Amino acid sequence: MKMMHFNIKKTGCILALLLLTLFGCVSNSGPDKFAAREMDIERKARQCYEHAIAYMGKGHYLLARQQFSEAAAMAMSQELHEDSLAGLARVEKIIAARR
């Protein structure tokens, strides 16, 4: 009985090691998925920025402020982040002047 109990433990350990090895090999694709996710977020931030510019052109300053804010929050690149914050500052000045 003790010998069978030892074999079950040994088999369980071997199975656990095999699973860990398998999942370790599969997780190597993680950085690629992370980079793709970053690109999607940056693309969405760029779209928000472009929508904000379009809203400003139409005189929809509250919508522009919302879009600039979202773009600044999502921007992965320093340039887009700074441009979004500058746009947000411009639209805030326009809103304040109109009140």
Foldseek 3Di string as FASTA:
>chain_A
DVVVVVVVVVVVVVVVVVVVVVVVVVCVCVVVVVVVVLVVLQVQLVVLQVVLVVCVVVVNLVSSLVSLVSSLVSHPDPVSNVVSVVSNVVSVVVVVVVD
